[in-house]
Structure formats: structure tokens, C-alpha cells
Amino acid sequence: MPSGDSGQLVVFGEWPVRRRAGLSQIFRVKVRLHYTWWVGLALITAIVVTQYPEIFAIWQRIAFGLATSVLLFVTVSIRQLALVGLALSRGIPVRRLTLYVFGGVYTISAESTQPVLERLIAVAGLVTNLIIAVVFYGIYIGFVVAGSEVAAGLTQWLGFIYFMLALFHFIPAFPLDGGRLLTSYLWSVTDNYYRPIRILSWVGWAIGLIFAGGGISLIVLSRQWFVGLVLTLVGWALASGAGLSRRQAEFYVGLEGFNAGHMVNKEYRFITPGLNIRDLVRSRVLVTGERYFVVKDSAKWQGVVTLRRLKSVPRRLWASTTVGQVMIPAPRVRAARAEQSAISLLEQMDDLRVSELPVLDKDEVVGVVTRDSLLRLARTRSELGV
């Protein structure tokens, strides 16, 4: 029974697409495959294998089941990536996508979207599900007329599964499309993006548990194994996806109202470009465990030095090599602005894949903000419920 945790995630890969217009924009979305997919693929294959025993041999039904499972996965993935492409084409950045049996889960910040855009994406998801189901049923009818029993049976199963998914997504619970649609309306009314997500994610989690409990009841009480397993799987996946969405929303709520100026370590000690690497390692790295240093002279900041840069210099040369020689020059450093929101700052760190950023106030560096400090603040405020 799910507890609301998303469970382990299997990194599925990064899908690069060239940026031009619409779905052909350049984006690099990290796609993660939730482990419930493996159970779903096996279950769908098993269900199809039990069909038509008097018509097809067992090996044919296994191939039939595997083809149905793979086609469902491909269709769900393409549908979800199309929605991500729609979001990107409207200027909404999406960096991560987690694929579940029922669709996908992604979270975007309120700063980068609007209620009307969220509504557009939700409606597009609902309509897309229905269109795909109708297309599969249309193909099924065509194969029936042509007398192709195998192809007709496969598309019939896909049409049925997608029609059930289309109905499922009308449930007003996050992260289903119906929940996203309701979230956009609540956002318009309350002028708050994350709190409706938190509430509707709890609803999604509860509905997921009800589905899973109903599936288990069918298995135990009436021995309806396949229907029971399908309900349990869908409920399990929904509860997991809702739990992931809730935790992400709670995290962003914890950072609301804070900016980089609030989070910066104003007691940060800068280093000078003339300091040699040996002295830096002995006085700072080995004592404090720091991995990121801002280089500044009396006039202005010069750049930054990371632990990776220090390690690239042979040890025998540490005493004769200054940090000014190995630093990343200031013009090449992506810095944060003091007025930049904490949520935007975290997203910038994710984009750059860094854990520290210098903070500028009127082009003057005032300190460093770390990813750990952002995570700690969000976690603490979430635990306190503020």
C-alpha cells in the first residue's frame, strides 16, 4: 500500500530536441521512469496473454501482450512529451518529467506560468487522451474490416486502456489533468499557486489509496485477479505521483517570500587572486570543507575557484600556482541577483548543475548562497507548517 512516497526512480534518460518553434524547441528534459511502469508492463502483458487461448498459440499471445505494453508506453510517453513541448512553446520551463502509468508528473514554478496557461495544458491533456482513444478504436474498426484479427485485437486493447485513462484523468485530483484544471481555477481565485496543489495532491493520494484498496478487495473477496491488480496498480501509481507533487509543492511553499539577498552568507570570506593553492587548501579546504571560493581584490570581484579546478593542478605545483591562474573569470560566471527569488535561484542552480552561486547587488558580489541552505530552509518551514 502506498504511503505517498514516490519510491525509487529509474533514470530513463535525457531527450534533446532542437529549439525552433512549438514542439521543436530546444529543451533538455530529464525523463524519469517510475518503477510502477515495470509492474504495469508485466500486468498488461499477462492480461493479454489470457485472451484468445483457442485462437493463438501461447508464444503468439506473449508477443501480442508485449507489443501492446510497449505501444502503450510509447503512446503515453509521446503524449506527455507533447504536453511538455506545449508548455515550452508558451515559455514555461519544464526541467524534469516523471512518467507514471497514468501519465506524467512535472512541477513548474508560479513565476514562470499563469492560470490560463495551466488551464490550456490541462485541457490539452484531457482532449489528447480522448483523441488517442478514438484513433485506436478507429484503427481497430479498420483492421476488423480488413480481417486482421491480431492487429484488430491489439488496437482494441489499446483503445480500451486509453479510454479508461481518459476517464481517469477527469478526476479532480492532482497530478491528473482534471486536478491541474481545478488548480488553475483555484489559483485564479486565491492568487496562490502552490497551496491548491498541496490540497489536491492530498486528494489524489487519498483517491489512489481508495483505488488500491478496492483492487485488493476485488482480489480477496471475489477472486477478480486482473481487474483487482489493475485497480491496485493505478491507485498505487496515483498515490505515488500525488505524494511527489505534494512534496514538491511544499518545498516551493517553504521558499516563498525569500530572495537571494535573504539567503546569502554575508560573512563569507573572499580570497585574493594572489593566494597560492597550497595555502588555500591548508587554511580553508581541509579545515572547513569548502569547495567553492569567490576571488576578489580591493577593487572588484575577479571570478570563482572550485574544488575541481584546484584538483586539476598537480600537487607539486600548488605552492607556485595562484588561484588567479586557475579561477573562472567573472564574465564567465553565472551569478545570482540579490532581488532574485529563492525559487528562481534554486531552478538556476538546477539548470547550471551547481551547488553554490555568488550573489550580486548592483554588480558587487556580497556573498555566496548554497543549495544546502535553500533545501534546509524549505525543509524546516515545511516541518513547521509555515
Protein backbone atom coordinates (compact mmCIF):
# COMPACT_ATOMS: atom_id res chain seq x y z
CA MET A 1 0.00 0.00 0.00
CA PRO A 2 1.49 3.37 -0.93
CA SER A 3 2.40 5.82 1.75
CA GLY A 4 2.58 8.81 -0.55
CA ASP A 5 6.27 8.42 -1.30
CA SER A 6 7.28 8.32 -4.89
CA GLY A 7 9.60 5.37 -4.35
CA GLN A 8 12.77 4.82 -6.26
CA LEU A 9 13.06 6.38 -9.66
CA VAL A 10 14.92 4.88 -12.57
CA VAL A 11 16.71 7.47 -14.70
CA PHE A 12 15.33 6.89 -18.17
CA GLY A 13 17.49 9.40 -19.97
CA GLU A 14 17.65 12.90 -21.38
CA TRP A 15 15.82 13.60 -24.60
CA PRO A 16 17.33 16.56 -26.52
CA VAL A 17 15.13 18.33 -29.06
CA ARG A 18 16.13 21.21 -31.31
CA ARG A 19 14.66 24.59 -30.38
CA ARG A 20 12.73 26.28 -33.16
CA ALA A 21 9.01 26.62 -32.54
CA GLY A 22 6.36 24.63 -30.71
CA LEU A 23 7.38 21.01 -30.16
CA SER A 24 10.69 21.54 -31.95
CA GLN A 25 12.04 23.92 -29.32
CA ILE A 26 15.44 23.12 -27.90
CA PHE A 27 14.99 21.62 -24.48
CA ARG A 28 16.68 19.06 -22.33
CA VAL A 29 14.14 17.45 -20.07
CA LYS A 30 15.37 14.78 -17.69
CA VAL A 31 12.82 11.99 -18.02
CA ARG A 32 12.45 9.56 -15.15
CA LEU A 33 10.57 6.30 -15.34
CA HIS A 34 8.71 5.42 -12.16
CA TYR A 35 9.10 1.80 -11.11
CA THR A 36 5.33 1.17 -11.31
CA TRP A 37 5.80 1.07 -15.09
CA TRP A 38 7.63 -2.24 -14.88
CA VAL A 39 4.72 -3.73 -12.95
CA GLY A 40 2.27 -2.19 -15.40
CA LEU A 41 4.05 -3.56 -18.47
CA ALA A 42 4.15 -7.05 -16.94
CA LEU A 43 0.50 -6.87 -15.91
CA ILE A 44 -0.76 -5.69 -19.30
CA THR A 45 1.23 -8.44 -20.98
CA ALA A 46 -0.24 -11.04 -18.61
CA ILE A 47 -3.81 -9.83 -19.22
CA VAL A 48 -3.42 -10.01 -22.99
CA VAL A 49 -1.82 -13.47 -22.77
CA THR A 50 -5.00 -14.82 -21.15
CA GLN A 51 -7.11 -13.73 -24.11
CA TYR A 52 -7.91 -15.78 -27.23
CA PRO A 53 -6.40 -19.10 -25.98
CA GLU A 54 -8.43 -21.04 -28.55
CA ILE A 55 -7.19 -18.89 -31.45
CA PHE A 56 -3.50 -18.17 -30.85
CA ALA A 57 -0.60 -20.21 -29.52
CA ILE A 58 0.99 -19.13 -26.22
CA TRP A 59 4.06 -17.61 -27.89
CA GLN A 60 1.82 -15.55 -30.15
CA ARG A 61 -0.18 -14.24 -27.18
CA ILE A 62 3.03 -13.36 -25.32
CA ALA A 63 4.27 -11.40 -28.34
CA PHE A 64 0.83 -9.84 -28.60
CA GLY A 65 0.95 -8.79 -24.94
CA LEU A 66 4.47 -7.38 -25.16
CA ALA A 67 3.57 -5.38 -28.26
CA THR A 68 0.50 -3.96 -26.51
CA SER A 69 2.55 -2.99 -23.43
CA VAL A 70 5.30 -1.35 -25.45
CA LEU A 71 2.86 0.56 -27.66
CA LEU A 72 1.00 1.82 -24.58
CA PHE A 73 4.26 3.01 -23.03
CA VAL A 74 5.31 4.74 -26.25
CA THR A 75 1.92 6.40 -26.62
CA VAL A 76 1.84 7.65 -23.02
CA SER A 77 5.42 8.94 -23.35
CA ILE A 78 4.74 10.77 -26.62
CA ARG A 79 1.54 12.26 -25.21
CA GLN A 80 3.35 13.54 -22.14
CA LEU A 81 6.29 14.92 -24.10
CA ALA A 82 3.81 16.69 -26.39
CA LEU A 83 2.34 18.42 -23.33
CA VAL A 84 5.84 19.36 -22.19
CA GLY A 85 6.51 20.73 -25.67
CA LEU A 86 3.30 22.76 -25.44
CA ALA A 87 4.43 24.20 -22.11
CA LEU A 88 7.85 25.08 -23.51
CA SER A 89 6.33 26.70 -26.58
CA ARG A 90 4.40 29.01 -24.23
CA GLY A 91 7.59 29.97 -22.39
CA ILE A 92 7.04 27.68 -19.39
CA PRO A 93 10.30 25.93 -18.42
CA VAL A 94 9.99 22.21 -17.60
CA ARG A 95 13.19 20.55 -16.42
CA ARG A 96 12.07 17.16 -15.09
CA LEU A 97 9.34 14.74 -16.03
CA THR A 98 8.45 11.57 -14.14
CA LEU A 99 6.48 9.05 -16.20
CA TYR A 100 3.79 7.03 -14.44
CA VAL A 101 1.33 4.51 -15.87
CA PHE A 102 -1.38 7.17 -15.91
CA GLY A 103 0.80 9.89 -17.46
CA GLY A 104 3.49 12.20 -16.14
CA VAL A 105 4.28 14.42 -13.18
CA TYR A 106 6.19 17.67 -13.50
CA THR A 107 6.23 20.79 -11.37
CA ILE A 108 6.79 24.32 -12.63
CA SER A 109 7.14 27.50 -10.63
CA ALA A 110 4.37 30.08 -10.36
CA GLU A 111 6.82 32.70 -11.59
CA SER A 112 7.08 31.05 -15.00
CA THR A 113 3.41 30.38 -15.75
CA GLN A 114 -0.11 31.78 -15.47
CA PRO A 115 -3.52 30.27 -14.64
CA VAL A 116 -4.64 30.50 -18.26
CA LEU A 117 -1.54 28.61 -19.44
CA GLU A 118 -2.03 25.88 -16.83
CA ARG A 119 -5.64 25.62 -17.96
CA LEU A 120 -4.55 25.29 -21.58
CA ILE A 121 -2.14 22.45 -20.80
CA ALA A 122 -4.71 20.61 -18.65
CA VAL A 123 -7.42 20.85 -21.32
CA ALA A 124 -4.92 19.78 -23.97
CA GLY A 125 -4.11 16.70 -21.89
CA LEU A 126 -7.78 15.76 -21.50
CA VAL A 127 -8.54 16.25 -25.19
CA THR A 128 -5.39 14.39 -26.26
CA ASN A 129 -6.36 11.31 -24.25
CA LEU A 130 -9.79 11.19 -25.88
CA ILE A 131 -8.35 11.73 -29.36
CA ILE A 132 -5.83 8.90 -28.91
CA ALA A 133 -8.57 6.56 -27.67
CA VAL A 134 -10.77 7.42 -30.67
CA VAL A 135 -7.85 6.93 -33.06
CA PHE A 136 -7.12 3.47 -31.63
CA TYR A 137 -10.78 2.46 -31.92
CA GLY A 138 -10.86 3.79 -35.49
CA ILE A 139 -7.79 1.73 -36.39
CA TYR A 140 -9.42 -1.26 -34.69
CA ILE A 141 -12.50 -0.96 -36.89
CA GLY A 142 -10.29 -0.71 -39.96
CA PHE A 143 -8.44 -3.92 -39.04
CA VAL A 144 -11.73 -5.70 -38.37
CA VAL A 145 -12.98 -4.77 -41.82
CA ALA A 146 -9.67 -5.92 -43.30
CA GLY A 147 -9.94 -9.24 -41.45
CA SER A 148 -6.67 -8.84 -39.50
CA GLU A 149 -7.54 -10.45 -36.16
CA VAL A 150 -4.18 -9.96 -34.45
CA ALA A 151 -3.85 -6.27 -35.29
CA ALA A 152 -7.52 -5.69 -34.50
CA GLY A 153 -7.18 -7.31 -31.09
CA LEU A 154 -4.08 -5.28 -30.26
CA THR A 155 -5.61 -1.93 -31.18
CA GLN A 156 -8.84 -2.85 -29.40
CA TRP A 157 -6.91 -3.36 -26.16
CA LEU A 158 -5.01 -0.11 -26.63
CA GLY A 159 -8.21 1.79 -27.35
CA PHE A 160 -9.89 0.36 -24.26
CA ILE A 161 -6.93 1.12 -22.00
CA TYR A 162 -6.61 4.67 -23.29
CA PHE A 163 -10.34 5.30 -23.00
CA MET A 164 -10.16 4.26 -19.34
CA LEU A 165 -7.12 6.53 -18.86
CA ALA A 166 -9.05 9.41 -20.47
CA LEU A 167 -11.91 8.95 -17.98
CA PHE A 168 -9.42 8.57 -15.13
CA HIS A 169 -7.85 11.94 -15.90
CA PHE A 170 -11.16 13.75 -15.42
CA ILE A 171 -10.92 13.07 -11.67
CA PRO A 172 -10.25 16.47 -9.98
CA ALA A 173 -7.12 15.33 -8.17
CA PHE A 174 -3.51 16.37 -8.71
CA PRO A 175 -1.45 15.41 -10.73
CA LEU A 176 -4.22 14.22 -13.07
CA ASP A 177 -5.33 16.63 -15.80
CA GLY A 178 -8.62 17.23 -14.01
CA GLY A 179 -6.67 18.22 -10.91
CA ARG A 180 -4.45 20.56 -12.90
CA LEU A 181 -7.53 22.17 -14.42
CA LEU A 182 -9.09 22.71 -10.98
CA THR A 183 -5.75 24.01 -9.68
CA SER A 184 -5.69 26.69 -12.37
CA TYR A 185 -9.15 27.92 -11.34
CA LEU A 186 -8.30 27.90 -7.62
CA TRP A 187 -5.10 29.79 -8.44
CA SER A 188 -7.15 32.46 -10.21
CA VAL A 189 -9.46 32.80 -7.19
CA THR A 190 -6.92 32.60 -4.36
CA ASP A 191 -3.90 34.13 -6.13
CA ASN A 192 -1.81 31.25 -4.78
CA TYR A 193 -0.34 28.52 -6.98
CA TYR A 194 1.21 26.03 -4.60
CA ARG A 195 -1.40 25.67 -1.87
CA PRO A 196 -4.11 24.34 -4.25
CA ILE A 197 -1.55 21.81 -5.48
CA ARG A 198 -0.90 20.70 -1.90
CA ILE A 199 -4.62 20.24 -1.22
CA LEU A 200 -5.43 18.47 -4.48
CA SER A 201 -2.34 16.28 -4.12
CA TRP A 202 -3.74 15.05 -0.80
CA VAL A 203 -7.00 14.34 -2.65
CA GLY A 204 -5.07 12.43 -5.32
CA TRP A 205 -3.21 10.48 -2.65
CA ALA A 206 -6.49 9.55 -0.92
CA ILE A 207 -8.17 8.52 -4.19
CA GLY A 208 -5.12 6.46 -5.06
CA LEU A 209 -5.43 4.60 -1.76
CA ILE A 210 -9.14 4.02 -2.40
CA PHE A 211 -8.40 2.57 -5.83
CA ALA A 212 -5.63 0.36 -4.42
CA GLY A 213 -7.84 -0.77 -1.54
CA GLY A 214 -10.71 -1.52 -3.94
CA GLY A 215 -8.40 -3.56 -6.13
CA ILE A 216 -7.15 -5.60 -3.20
CA SER A 217 -10.75 -6.16 -2.07
CA LEU A 218 -11.70 -7.50 -5.51
CA ILE A 219 -8.76 -9.91 -5.39
CA VAL A 220 -9.52 -11.16 -1.88
CA LEU A 221 -13.33 -11.24 -1.92
CA SER A 222 -14.27 -12.13 -5.49
CA ARG A 223 -11.01 -13.50 -6.93
CA GLN A 224 -11.11 -11.00 -9.78
CA TRP A 225 -7.35 -11.01 -10.15
CA PHE A 226 -6.77 -8.96 -13.25
CA VAL A 227 -9.30 -6.20 -12.57
CA GLY A 228 -8.12 -6.09 -8.97
CA LEU A 229 -4.46 -5.89 -9.96
CA VAL A 230 -5.15 -3.11 -12.49
CA LEU A 231 -7.03 -1.03 -9.89
CA THR A 232 -4.28 -1.64 -7.34
CA LEU A 233 -1.56 -0.64 -9.80
CA VAL A 234 -3.36 2.53 -10.91
CA GLY A 235 -4.14 3.51 -7.32
CA TRP A 236 -0.56 2.82 -6.26
CA ALA A 237 0.83 4.92 -9.13
CA LEU A 238 -1.61 7.78 -8.44
CA ALA A 239 -0.81 7.85 -4.72
CA SER A 240 2.91 7.87 -5.51
CA GLY A 241 2.58 10.64 -8.10
CA ALA A 242 0.39 12.72 -5.80
CA GLY A 243 2.90 12.29 -2.98
CA LEU A 244 5.71 13.50 -5.23
CA SER A 245 3.66 16.53 -6.34
CA ARG A 246 2.74 17.39 -2.74
CA ARG A 247 6.32 17.29 -1.54
CA GLN A 248 7.46 19.46 -4.45
CA ALA A 249 4.70 21.99 -3.74
CA GLU A 250 5.53 22.03 -0.02
CA PHE A 251 9.14 22.64 -0.92
CA TYR A 252 8.28 25.67 -3.05
CA VAL A 253 5.88 26.98 -0.40
CA GLY A 254 8.77 26.87 2.06
CA LEU A 255 10.79 29.21 -0.18
CA GLU A 256 8.02 31.72 -0.91
CA GLY A 257 8.81 35.28 0.16
CA PHE A 258 12.59 34.75 0.23
CA ASN A 259 15.18 36.00 -2.22
CA ALA A 260 18.90 35.55 -2.75
CA GLY A 261 19.64 38.58 -0.58
CA HIS A 262 17.95 36.86 2.36
CA MET A 263 19.82 33.61 1.80
CA VAL A 264 23.33 34.90 1.12
CA ASN A 265 26.10 34.23 3.61
CA LYS A 266 27.18 37.80 4.25
CA GLU A 267 30.04 36.69 6.48
CA TYR A 268 31.62 34.83 3.61
CA ARG A 269 35.40 35.31 3.43
CA PHE A 270 36.65 36.12 -0.05
CA ILE A 271 40.08 35.08 -1.28
CA THR A 272 42.57 37.18 -3.22
CA PRO A 273 43.87 36.26 -6.68
CA GLY A 274 47.45 36.17 -5.38
CA LEU A 275 46.80 33.38 -2.84
CA ASN A 276 48.53 30.15 -3.82
CA ILE A 277 46.66 26.87 -3.98
CA ARG A 278 48.69 25.20 -1.21
CA ASP A 279 47.77 27.86 1.33
CA LEU A 280 44.13 27.85 0.24
CA VAL A 281 43.86 24.08 0.68
CA ARG A 282 45.58 24.15 4.08
CA SER A 283 43.67 27.11 5.51
CA ARG A 284 40.20 26.60 4.05
CA VAL A 285 39.56 23.37 2.18
CA LEU A 286 40.99 20.96 4.77
CA VAL A 287 39.65 22.99 7.72
CA THR A 288 36.12 23.96 6.65
CA GLY A 289 35.43 21.52 3.80
CA GLU A 290 34.58 24.40 1.44
CA ARG A 291 34.54 23.61 -2.25
CA TYR A 292 33.68 26.98 -3.79
CA PHE A 293 35.55 30.27 -3.42
CA VAL A 294 34.93 33.79 -4.70
CA VAL A 295 38.07 35.63 -5.78
CA LYS A 296 38.07 39.35 -5.04
CA ASP A 297 40.67 42.07 -4.83
CA SER A 298 40.34 45.54 -3.37
CA ALA A 299 38.57 46.87 -6.46
CA LYS A 300 36.07 44.23 -7.57
CA TRP A 301 35.46 40.50 -7.75
CA GLN A 302 37.58 38.60 -10.23
CA GLY A 303 35.94 35.20 -10.52
CA VAL A 304 35.47 31.90 -8.69
CA VAL A 305 37.54 28.83 -7.93
CA THR A 306 36.01 25.39 -7.45
CA LEU A 307 37.46 22.26 -5.91
CA ARG A 308 37.51 20.67 -9.35
CA ARG A 309 39.74 23.48 -10.60
CA LEU A 310 42.11 23.02 -7.69
CA LYS A 311 42.32 19.26 -8.28
CA SER A 312 43.24 19.83 -11.92
CA VAL A 313 46.59 21.29 -10.81
CA PRO A 314 49.31 18.75 -9.91
CA ARG A 315 50.19 18.89 -6.21
CA ARG A 316 53.83 19.63 -6.88
CA LEU A 317 52.71 22.92 -8.46
CA TRP A 318 50.32 24.04 -5.68
CA ALA A 319 52.88 26.28 -3.99
CA SER A 320 53.76 28.07 -7.22
CA THR A 321 50.25 28.37 -8.68
CA THR A 322 47.88 31.15 -7.60
CA VAL A 323 44.12 30.97 -7.58
CA GLY A 324 44.10 33.82 -10.07
CA GLN A 325 45.72 31.49 -12.58
CA VAL A 326 43.10 28.74 -12.27
CA MET A 327 39.94 30.69 -11.45
CA ILE A 328 36.92 31.01 -13.72
CA PRO A 329 36.87 34.71 -14.75
CA ALA A 330 33.91 36.77 -13.54
CA PRO A 331 32.47 37.38 -17.06
CA ARG A 332 32.08 33.61 -17.46
CA VAL A 333 30.39 33.05 -14.09
CA ARG A 334 26.60 32.87 -13.89
CA ALA A 335 25.78 34.80 -10.72
CA ALA A 336 22.51 35.40 -8.87
CA ARG A 337 20.94 38.78 -8.21
CA ALA A 338 20.16 39.84 -4.66
CA GLU A 339 16.50 40.50 -5.55
CA GLN A 340 16.12 37.15 -7.31
CA SER A 341 13.54 34.88 -5.64
CA ALA A 342 14.73 31.80 -3.78
CA ILE A 343 12.61 29.56 -6.03
CA SER A 344 14.15 31.05 -9.17
CA LEU A 345 17.59 30.73 -7.58
CA LEU A 346 17.12 27.02 -6.93
CA GLU A 347 15.94 26.48 -10.50
CA GLN A 348 19.01 28.34 -11.77
CA MET A 349 21.24 26.03 -9.73
CA ASP A 350 19.45 23.02 -11.18
CA ASP A 351 19.94 24.34 -14.71
CA LEU A 352 23.64 25.00 -14.16
CA ARG A 353 24.10 21.82 -12.08
CA VAL A 354 25.92 23.72 -9.36
CA SER A 355 25.54 23.87 -5.58
CA GLU A 356 26.82 27.41 -4.98
CA LEU A 357 26.36 30.76 -6.66
CA PRO A 358 27.82 34.20 -5.95
CA VAL A 359 25.19 36.86 -5.26
CA LEU A 360 25.47 40.32 -6.82
CA ASP A 361 23.96 43.52 -5.52
CA LYS A 362 24.41 46.34 -8.04
CA ASP A 363 27.23 44.44 -9.76
CA GLU A 364 29.10 43.98 -6.47
CA VAL A 365 29.42 40.50 -5.04
CA VAL A 366 28.02 40.39 -1.49
CA GLY A 367 28.44 36.72 -0.68
CA VAL A 368 27.57 33.18 -1.69
CA VAL A 369 24.33 31.23 -1.47
CA THR A 370 24.35 27.43 -1.32
CA ARG A 371 21.85 24.83 -2.40
CA ASP A 372 22.03 23.23 1.04
CA SER A 373 20.84 26.45 2.69
CA LEU A 374 17.83 26.60 0.36
CA LEU A 375 16.95 22.97 1.00
CA ARG A 376 17.35 23.39 4.75
CA LEU A 377 15.08 26.44 4.84
CA ALA A 378 12.36 24.79 2.76
CA ARG A 379 12.52 21.58 4.80
CA THR A 380 12.35 23.40 8.14
CA ARG A 381 9.42 25.61 7.13
CA SER A 382 7.59 22.59 5.74
CA GLU A 383 8.06 20.68 9.01
CA LEU A 384 6.75 23.66 10.98
CA GLY A 385 3.82 24.06 8.59
CA VAL A 386 4.52 27.75 7.93
